[in-house]
Amino acid sequence: MGNALNINAQMPAAQAQALLADLRAHYSMSLNDYWYADEFRNVPRETRHSSILKKKPVMAAQQRLMAALSLSLKAAKQS
């Protein structure tokens, strides 16, 4: 990613957990909505998720943020 942004945020673990839970809930609802939407209905099940992420950049960003939050929370628990 040549033009990637690096975002750094500090917050208490409780806020990070709440944010992660909220992101997961929104991501799950959006994925369910798009999964059955006419736009993606004819895309094979094996590639539908990646197709949705390619066409819906906010979901791809949510996925990256959820991964980063999960990793940070795990690292905080280990220290």
PDB file of N, CA and C in Angstrom:
ATOM      1  N   MET A   1       0.834  -1.175   0.000  1.00  0.00           N
ATOM      2  CA  MET A   1       0.000   0.000   0.000  1.00  0.00           C
ATOM      3  C   MET A   1       0.877   1.236   0.000  1.00  0.00           C
ATOM      4  N   GLY A   2       1.086   1.792  -1.126  1.00  0.00           N
ATOM      5  CA  GLY A   2       1.953   2.947  -1.249  1.00  0.00           C
ATOM      6  C   GLY A   2       1.418   4.193  -0.580  1.00  0.00           C
ATOM      7  N   ASN A   3       0.121   4.384  -0.580  1.00  0.00           N
ATOM      8  CA  ASN A   3      -0.450   5.592   0.006  1.00  0.00           C
ATOM      9  C   ASN A   3      -1.213   5.286   1.298  1.00  0.00           C
ATOM     10  N   ALA A   4      -0.782   4.268   2.030  1.00  0.00           N
ATOM     11  CA  ALA A   4      -1.462   3.855   3.251  1.00  0.00           C
ATOM     12  C   ALA A   4      -1.259   4.869   4.368  1.00  0.00           C
ATOM     13  N   LEU A   5      -2.272   5.004   5.181  1.00  0.00           N
ATOM     14  CA  LEU A   5      -2.206   5.862   6.353  1.00  0.00           C
ATOM     15  C   LEU A   5      -1.884   5.020   7.571  1.00  0.00           C
ATOM     16  N   ASN A   6      -1.152   5.595   8.483  1.00  0.00           N
ATOM     17  CA  ASN A   6      -0.850   4.950   9.746  1.00  0.00           C
ATOM     18  C   ASN A   6      -1.569   5.743  10.820  1.00  0.00           C
ATOM     19  N   ILE A   7      -2.493   5.099  11.528  1.00  0.00           N
ATOM     20  CA  ILE A   7      -3.294   5.771  12.540  1.00  0.00           C
ATOM     21  C   ILE A   7      -2.928   5.212  13.901  1.00  0.00           C
ATOM     22  N   ASN A   8      -2.623   6.088  14.832  1.00  0.00           N
ATOM     23  CA  ASN A   8      -2.258   5.681  16.181  1.00  0.00           C
ATOM     24  C   ASN A   8      -3.236   6.333  17.141  1.00  0.00           C
ATOM     25  N   ALA A   9      -3.846   5.527  17.999  1.00  0.00           N
ATOM     26  CA  ALA A   9      -4.780   6.057  18.992  1.00  0.00           C
ATOM     27  C   ALA A   9      -4.537   5.367  20.326  1.00  0.00           C
ATOM     28  N   GLN A  10      -4.569   6.133  21.377  1.00  0.00           N
ATOM     29  CA  GLN A  10      -4.433   5.574  22.716  1.00  0.00           C
ATOM     30  C   GLN A  10      -5.768   5.693  23.417  1.00  0.00           C
ATOM     31  N   MET A  11      -6.183   4.597  24.058  1.00  0.00           N
ATOM     32  CA  MET A  11      -7.430   4.598  24.807  1.00  0.00           C
ATOM     33  C   MET A  11      -7.373   3.500  25.849  1.00  0.00           C
ATOM     34  N   PRO A  12      -8.170   3.623  26.874  1.00  0.00           N
ATOM     35  CA  PRO A  12      -8.225   2.560  27.876  1.00  0.00           C
ATOM     36  C   PRO A  12      -8.743   1.259  27.254  1.00  0.00           C
ATOM     37  N   ALA A  13      -8.353   0.142  27.844  1.00  0.00           N
ATOM     38  CA  ALA A  13      -8.766  -1.162  27.320  1.00  0.00           C
ATOM     39  C   ALA A  13     -10.280  -1.288  27.258  1.00  0.00           C
ATOM     40  N   ALA A  14     -10.982  -0.734  28.229  1.00  0.00           N
ATOM     41  CA  ALA A  14     -12.446  -0.822  28.226  1.00  0.00           C
ATOM     42  C   ALA A  14     -13.039  -0.121  27.008  1.00  0.00           C
ATOM     43  N   GLN A  15     -12.480   1.010  26.633  1.00  0.00           N
ATOM     44  CA  GLN A  15     -12.955   1.715  25.441  1.00  0.00           C
ATOM     45  C   GLN A  15     -12.628   0.924  24.178  1.00  0.00           C
ATOM     46  N   ALA A  16     -11.448   0.343  24.137  1.00  0.00           N
ATOM     47  CA  ALA A  16     -11.051  -0.451  22.971  1.00  0.00           C
ATOM     48  C   ALA A  16     -11.961  -1.667  22.823  1.00  0.00           C
ATOM     49  N   GLN A  17     -12.297  -2.308  23.932  1.00  0.00           N
ATOM     50  CA  GLN A  17     -13.196  -3.460  23.881  1.00  0.00           C
ATOM     51  C   GLN A  17     -14.591  -3.051  23.422  1.00  0.00           C
ATOM     52  N   ALA A  18     -15.064  -1.909  23.909  1.00  0.00           N
ATOM     53  CA  ALA A  18     -16.381  -1.417  23.501  1.00  0.00           C
ATOM     54  C   ALA A  18     -16.397  -1.066  22.015  1.00  0.00           C
ATOM     55  N   LEU A  19     -15.330  -0.425  21.560  1.00  0.00           N
ATOM     56  CA  LEU A  19     -15.223  -0.075  20.140  1.00  0.00           C
ATOM     57  C   LEU A  19     -15.178  -1.327  19.283  1.00  0.00           C
ATOM     58  N   LEU A  20     -14.413  -2.311  19.707  1.00  0.00           N
ATOM     59  CA  LEU A  20     -14.310  -3.563  18.962  1.00  0.00           C
ATOM     60  C   LEU A  20     -15.668  -4.258  18.891  1.00  0.00           C
ATOM     61  N   ALA A  21     -16.383  -4.301  19.985  1.00  0.00           N
ATOM     62  CA  ALA A  21     -17.711  -4.921  19.995  1.00  0.00           C
ATOM     63  C   ALA A  21     -18.662  -4.192  19.057  1.00  0.00           C
ATOM     64  N   ASP A  22     -18.602  -2.864  19.067  1.00  0.00           N
ATOM     65  CA  ASP A  22     -19.461  -2.073  18.184  1.00  0.00           C
ATOM     66  C   ASP A  22     -19.108  -2.296  16.714  1.00  0.00           C
ATOM     67  N   LEU A  23     -17.817  -2.302  16.414  1.00  0.00           N
ATOM     68  CA  LEU A  23     -17.380  -2.545  15.035  1.00  0.00           C
ATOM     69  C   LEU A  23     -17.821  -3.926  14.555  1.00  0.00           C
ATOM     70  N   ARG A  24     -17.672  -4.932  15.414  1.00  0.00           N
ATOM     71  CA  ARG A  24     -18.084  -6.285  15.044  1.00  0.00           C
ATOM     72  C   ARG A  24     -19.576  -6.350  14.751  1.00  0.00           C
ATOM     73  N   ALA A  25     -20.373  -5.681  15.578  1.00  0.00           N
ATOM     74  CA  ALA A  25     -21.823  -5.692  15.376  1.00  0.00           C
ATOM     75  C   ALA A  25     -22.199  -5.020  14.059  1.00  0.00           C
ATOM     76  N   HIS A  26     -21.615  -3.853  13.803  1.00  0.00           N
ATOM     77  CA  HIS A  26     -21.911  -3.156  12.549  1.00  0.00           C
ATOM     78  C   HIS A  26     -21.418  -3.938  11.337  1.00  0.00           C
ATOM     79  N   TYR A  27     -20.237  -4.506  11.458  1.00  0.00           N
ATOM     80  CA  TYR A  27     -19.670  -5.287  10.360  1.00  0.00           C
ATOM     81  C   TYR A  27     -20.571  -6.476  10.051  1.00  0.00           C
ATOM     82  N   SER A  28     -21.010  -7.156  11.084  1.00  0.00           N
ATOM     83  CA  SER A  28     -21.866  -8.329  10.913  1.00  0.00           C
ATOM     84  C   SER A  28     -23.186  -7.958  10.239  1.00  0.00           C
ATOM     85  N   MET A  29     -23.792  -6.860  10.676  1.00  0.00           N
ATOM     86  CA  MET A  29     -25.054  -6.421  10.060  1.00  0.00           C
ATOM     87  C   MET A  29     -24.846  -6.028   8.599  1.00  0.00           C
ATOM     88  N   SER A  30     -23.784  -5.298   8.330  1.00  0.00           N
ATOM     89  CA  SER A  30     -23.507  -4.885   6.949  1.00  0.00           C
ATOM     90  C   SER A  30     -23.228  -6.090   6.061  1.00  0.00           C
ATOM     91  N   LEU A  31     -22.427  -7.022   6.571  1.00  0.00           N
ATOM     92  CA  LEU A  31     -22.113  -8.214   5.788  1.00  0.00           C
ATOM     93  C   LEU A  31     -23.377  -8.986   5.474  1.00  0.00           C
ATOM     94  N   ASN A  32     -24.256  -9.137   6.440  1.00  0.00           N
ATOM     95  CA  ASN A  32     -25.507  -9.844   6.209  1.00  0.00           C
ATOM     96  C   ASN A  32     -26.358  -9.126   5.165  1.00  0.00           C
ATOM     97  N   ASP A  33     -26.428  -7.807   5.263  1.00  0.00           N
ATOM     98  CA  ASP A  33     -27.210  -7.035   4.288  1.00  0.00           C
ATOM     99  C   ASP A  33     -26.652  -7.185   2.880  1.00  0.00           C
ATOM    100  N   TYR A  34     -25.340  -7.045   2.741  1.00  0.00           N
ATOM    101  CA  TYR A  34     -24.731  -7.141   1.417  1.00  0.00           C
ATOM    102  C   TYR A  34     -24.733  -8.574   0.892  1.00  0.00           C
ATOM    103  N   TRP A  35     -24.601  -9.537   1.777  1.00  0.00           N
ATOM    104  CA  TRP A  35     -24.532 -10.944   1.373  1.00  0.00           C
ATOM    105  C   TRP A  35     -25.745 -11.325   0.539  1.00  0.00           C
ATOM    106  N   TYR A  36     -26.909 -10.834   0.952  1.00  0.00           N
ATOM    107  CA  TYR A  36     -28.154 -11.189   0.276  1.00  0.00           C
ATOM    108  C   TYR A  36     -28.654 -10.115  -0.676  1.00  0.00           C
ATOM    109  N   ALA A  37     -27.900  -9.042  -0.829  1.00  0.00           N
ATOM    110  CA  ALA A  37     -28.291  -7.967  -1.739  1.00  0.00           C
ATOM    111  C   ALA A  37     -28.182  -8.432  -3.186  1.00  0.00           C
ATOM    112  N   ASP A  38     -29.014  -7.857  -4.035  1.00  0.00           N
ATOM    113  CA  ASP A  38     -29.012  -8.215  -5.453  1.00  0.00           C
ATOM    114  C   ASP A  38     -27.639  -8.044  -6.084  1.00  0.00           C
ATOM    115  N   GLU A  39     -26.897  -7.044  -5.633  1.00  0.00           N
ATOM    116  CA  GLU A  39     -25.576  -6.743  -6.177  1.00  0.00           C
ATOM    117  C   GLU A  39     -24.614  -7.928  -6.050  1.00  0.00           C
ATOM    118  N   PHE A  40     -24.754  -8.726  -4.996  1.00  0.00           N
ATOM    119  CA  PHE A  40     -23.810  -9.814  -4.739  1.00  0.00           C
ATOM    120  C   PHE A  40     -24.454 -11.201  -4.769  1.00  0.00           C
ATOM    121  N   ARG A  41     -25.728 -11.252  -5.012  1.00  0.00           N
ATOM    122  CA  ARG A  41     -26.464 -12.513  -4.939  1.00  0.00           C
ATOM    123  C   ARG A  41     -25.908 -13.585  -5.883  1.00  0.00           C
ATOM    124  N   ASN A  42     -25.443 -13.177  -7.054  1.00  0.00           N
ATOM    125  CA  ASN A  42     -24.964 -14.144  -8.044  1.00  0.00           C
ATOM    126  C   ASN A  42     -23.460 -14.419  -7.949  1.00  0.00           C
ATOM    127  N   VAL A  43     -22.800 -13.800  -6.989  1.00  0.00           N
ATOM    128  CA  VAL A  43     -21.372 -14.060  -6.771  1.00  0.00           C
ATOM    129  C   VAL A  43     -21.266 -15.371  -5.994  1.00  0.00           C
ATOM    130  N   PRO A  44     -20.403 -16.283  -6.417  1.00  0.00           N
ATOM    131  CA  PRO A  44     -20.261 -17.554  -5.698  1.00  0.00           C
ATOM    132  C   PRO A  44     -19.938 -17.336  -4.220  1.00  0.00           C
ATOM    133  N   ARG A  45     -20.478 -18.197  -3.381  1.00  0.00           N
ATOM    134  CA  ARG A  45     -20.307 -18.070  -1.931  1.00  0.00           C
ATOM    135  C   ARG A  45     -18.837 -18.000  -1.533  1.00  0.00           C
ATOM    136  N   GLU A  46     -17.985 -18.740  -2.239  1.00  0.00           N
ATOM    137  CA  GLU A  46     -16.558 -18.797  -1.887  1.00  0.00           C
ATOM    138  C   GLU A  46     -15.859 -17.452  -2.060  1.00  0.00           C
ATOM    139  N   THR A  47     -16.346 -16.631  -2.951  1.00  0.00           N
ATOM    140  CA  THR A  47     -15.686 -15.352  -3.232  1.00  0.00           C
ATOM    141  C   THR A  47     -16.552 -14.142  -2.872  1.00  0.00           C
ATOM    142  N   ARG A  48     -17.719 -14.394  -2.329  1.00  0.00           N
ATOM    143  CA  ARG A  48     -18.647 -13.288  -2.047  1.00  0.00           C
ATOM    144  C   ARG A  48     -18.084 -12.325  -1.001  1.00  0.00           C
ATOM    145  N   HIS A  49     -17.504 -12.838   0.068  1.00  0.00           N
ATOM    146  CA  HIS A  49     -16.975 -11.965   1.115  1.00  0.00           C
ATOM    147  C   HIS A  49     -15.885 -11.046   0.561  1.00  0.00           C
ATOM    148  N   SER A  50     -14.949 -11.604  -0.159  1.00  0.00           N
ATOM    149  CA  SER A  50     -13.874 -10.771  -0.721  1.00  0.00           C
ATOM    150  C   SER A  50     -14.419  -9.791  -1.758  1.00  0.00           C
ATOM    151  N   SER A  51     -15.436 -10.191  -2.508  1.00  0.00           N
ATOM    152  CA  SER A  51     -16.052  -9.281  -3.475  1.00  0.00           C
ATOM    153  C   SER A  51     -16.719  -8.108  -2.777  1.00  0.00           C
ATOM    154  N   ILE A  52     -17.371  -8.386  -1.663  1.00  0.00           N
ATOM    155  CA  ILE A  52     -18.000  -7.314  -0.897  1.00  0.00           C
ATOM    156  C   ILE A  52     -16.934  -6.347  -0.389  1.00  0.00           C
ATOM    157  N   LEU A  53     -15.843  -6.895   0.149  1.00  0.00           N
ATOM    158  CA  LEU A  53     -14.782  -6.026   0.677  1.00  0.00           C
ATOM    159  C   LEU A  53     -14.153  -5.169  -0.415  1.00  0.00           C
ATOM    160  N   LYS A  54     -14.036  -5.706  -1.625  1.00  0.00           N
ATOM    161  CA  LYS A  54     -13.455  -4.929  -2.729  1.00  0.00           C
ATOM    162  C   LYS A  54     -14.352  -3.766  -3.124  1.00  0.00           C
ATOM    163  N   LYS A  55     -15.671  -3.962  -3.060  1.00  0.00           N
ATOM    164  CA  LYS A  55     -16.605  -2.927  -3.502  1.00  0.00           C
ATOM    165  C   LYS A  55     -17.073  -2.017  -2.372  1.00  0.00           C
ATOM    166  N   LYS A  56     -16.831  -2.406  -1.142  1.00  0.00           N
ATOM    167  CA  LYS A  56     -17.281  -1.618   0.015  1.00  0.00           C
ATOM    168  C   LYS A  56     -16.070  -1.295   0.896  1.00  0.00           C
ATOM    169  N   PRO A  57     -15.356  -0.221   0.582  1.00  0.00           N
ATOM    170  CA  PRO A  57     -14.119   0.083   1.295  1.00  0.00           C
ATOM    171  C   PRO A  57     -14.303   0.322   2.790  1.00  0.00           C
ATOM    172  N   VAL A  58     -15.467   0.784   3.214  1.00  0.00           N
ATOM    173  CA  VAL A  58     -15.673   0.989   4.645  1.00  0.00           C
ATOM    174  C   VAL A  58     -15.625  -0.341   5.393  1.00  0.00           C
ATOM    175  N   MET A  59     -16.103  -1.401   4.767  1.00  0.00           N
ATOM    176  CA  MET A  59     -16.054  -2.711   5.417  1.00  0.00           C
ATOM    177  C   MET A  59     -14.627  -3.237   5.472  1.00  0.00           C
ATOM    178  N   ALA A  60     -13.853  -2.988   4.443  1.00  0.00           N
ATOM    179  CA  ALA A  60     -12.450  -3.399   4.454  1.00  0.00           C
ATOM    180  C   ALA A  60     -11.701  -2.643   5.553  1.00  0.00           C
ATOM    181  N   ALA A  61     -12.013  -1.357   5.721  1.00  0.00           N
ATOM    182  CA  ALA A  61     -11.385  -0.564   6.779  1.00  0.00           C
ATOM    183  C   ALA A  61     -11.812  -1.071   8.156  1.00  0.00           C
ATOM    184  N   GLN A  62     -13.082  -1.412   8.305  1.00  0.00           N
ATOM    185  CA  GLN A  62     -13.557  -1.960   9.575  1.00  0.00           C
ATOM    186  C   GLN A  62     -12.831  -3.258   9.903  1.00  0.00           C
ATOM    187  N   GLN A  63     -12.632  -4.087   8.901  1.00  0.00           N
ATOM    188  CA  GLN A  63     -11.955  -5.363   9.119  1.00  0.00           C
ATOM    189  C   GLN A  63     -10.527  -5.140   9.610  1.00  0.00           C
ATOM    190  N   ARG A  64      -9.819  -4.203   9.010  1.00  0.00           N
ATOM    191  CA  ARG A  64      -8.452  -3.894   9.439  1.00  0.00           C
ATOM    192  C   ARG A  64      -8.429  -3.322  10.855  1.00  0.00           C
ATOM    193  N   LEU A  65      -9.379  -2.436  11.139  1.00  0.00           N
ATOM    194  CA  LEU A  65      -9.428  -1.825  12.465  1.00  0.00           C
ATOM    195  C   LEU A  65      -9.769  -2.865  13.529  1.00  0.00           C
ATOM    196  N   MET A  66     -10.672  -3.784  13.228  1.00  0.00           N
ATOM    197  CA  MET A  66     -11.000  -4.847  14.176  1.00  0.00           C
ATOM    198  C   MET A  66      -9.781  -5.718  14.458  1.00  0.00           C
ATOM    199  N   ALA A  67      -9.016  -6.023  13.423  1.00  0.00           N
ATOM    200  CA  ALA A  67      -7.804  -6.834  13.609  1.00  0.00           C
ATOM    201  C   ALA A  67      -6.786  -6.095  14.468  1.00  0.00           C
ATOM    202  N   ALA A  68      -6.609  -4.807  14.215  1.00  0.00           N
ATOM    203  CA  ALA A  68      -5.652  -4.018  14.989  1.00  0.00           C
ATOM    204  C   ALA A  68      -6.081  -3.903  16.448  1.00  0.00           C
ATOM    205  N   LEU A  69      -7.349  -3.685  16.674  1.00  0.00           N
ATOM    206  CA  LEU A  69      -7.849  -3.603  18.048  1.00  0.00           C
ATOM    207  C   LEU A  69      -7.687  -4.934  18.767  1.00  0.00           C
ATOM    208  N   SER A  70      -7.990  -6.018  18.094  1.00  0.00           N
ATOM    209  CA  SER A  70      -7.853  -7.348  18.698  1.00  0.00           C
ATOM    210  C   SER A  70      -6.412  -7.612  19.094  1.00  0.00           C
ATOM    211  N   LEU A  71      -5.481  -7.318  18.193  1.00  0.00           N
ATOM    212  CA  LEU A  71      -4.068  -7.515  18.488  1.00  0.00           C
ATOM    213  C   LEU A  71      -3.606  -6.656  19.657  1.00  0.00           C
ATOM    214  N   SER A  72      -4.037  -5.404  19.669  1.00  0.00           N
ATOM    215  CA  SER A  72      -3.641  -4.497  20.760  1.00  0.00           C
ATOM    216  C   SER A  72      -4.199  -4.965  22.095  1.00  0.00           C
ATOM    217  N   LEU A  73      -5.429  -5.441  22.102  1.00  0.00           N
ATOM    218  CA  LEU A  73      -6.025  -5.926  23.348  1.00  0.00           C
ATOM    219  C   LEU A  73      -5.320  -7.184  23.839  1.00  0.00           C
ATOM    220  N   LYS A  74      -4.945  -8.074  22.936  1.00  0.00           N
ATOM    221  CA  LYS A  74      -4.209  -9.274  23.324  1.00  0.00           C
ATOM    222  C   LYS A  74      -2.837  -8.903  23.886  1.00  0.00           C
ATOM    223  N   ALA A  75      -2.171  -7.967  23.242  1.00  0.00           N
ATOM    224  CA  ALA A  75      -0.859  -7.544  23.707  1.00  0.00           C
ATOM    225  C   ALA A  75      -0.962  -6.889  25.087  1.00  0.00           C
ATOM    226  N   ALA A  76      -2.011  -6.133  25.319  1.00  0.00           N
ATOM    227  CA  ALA A  76      -2.188  -5.483  26.625  1.00  0.00           C
ATOM    228  C   ALA A  76      -2.442  -6.502  27.723  1.00  0.00           C
ATOM    229  N   LYS A  77      -3.138  -7.571  27.406  1.00  0.00           N
ATOM    230  CA  LYS A  77      -3.415  -8.617  28.396  1.00  0.00           C
ATOM    231  C   LYS A  77      -2.145  -9.389  28.756  1.00  0.00           C
ATOM    232  N   GLN A  78      -1.235  -9.531  27.797  1.00  0.00           N
ATOM    233  CA  GLN A  78      -0.011 -10.298  28.027  1.00  0.00           C
ATOM    234  C   GLN A  78       1.026  -9.510  28.816  1.00  0.00           C
ATOM    235  N   SER A  79       0.901  -8.212  28.824  1.00  0.00           N
ATOM    236  CA  SER A  79       1.912  -7.401  29.537  1.00  0.00           C
ATOM    237  C   SER A  79       1.524  -7.117  30.963  1.00  0.00           C
TER     238      SER A  79
END
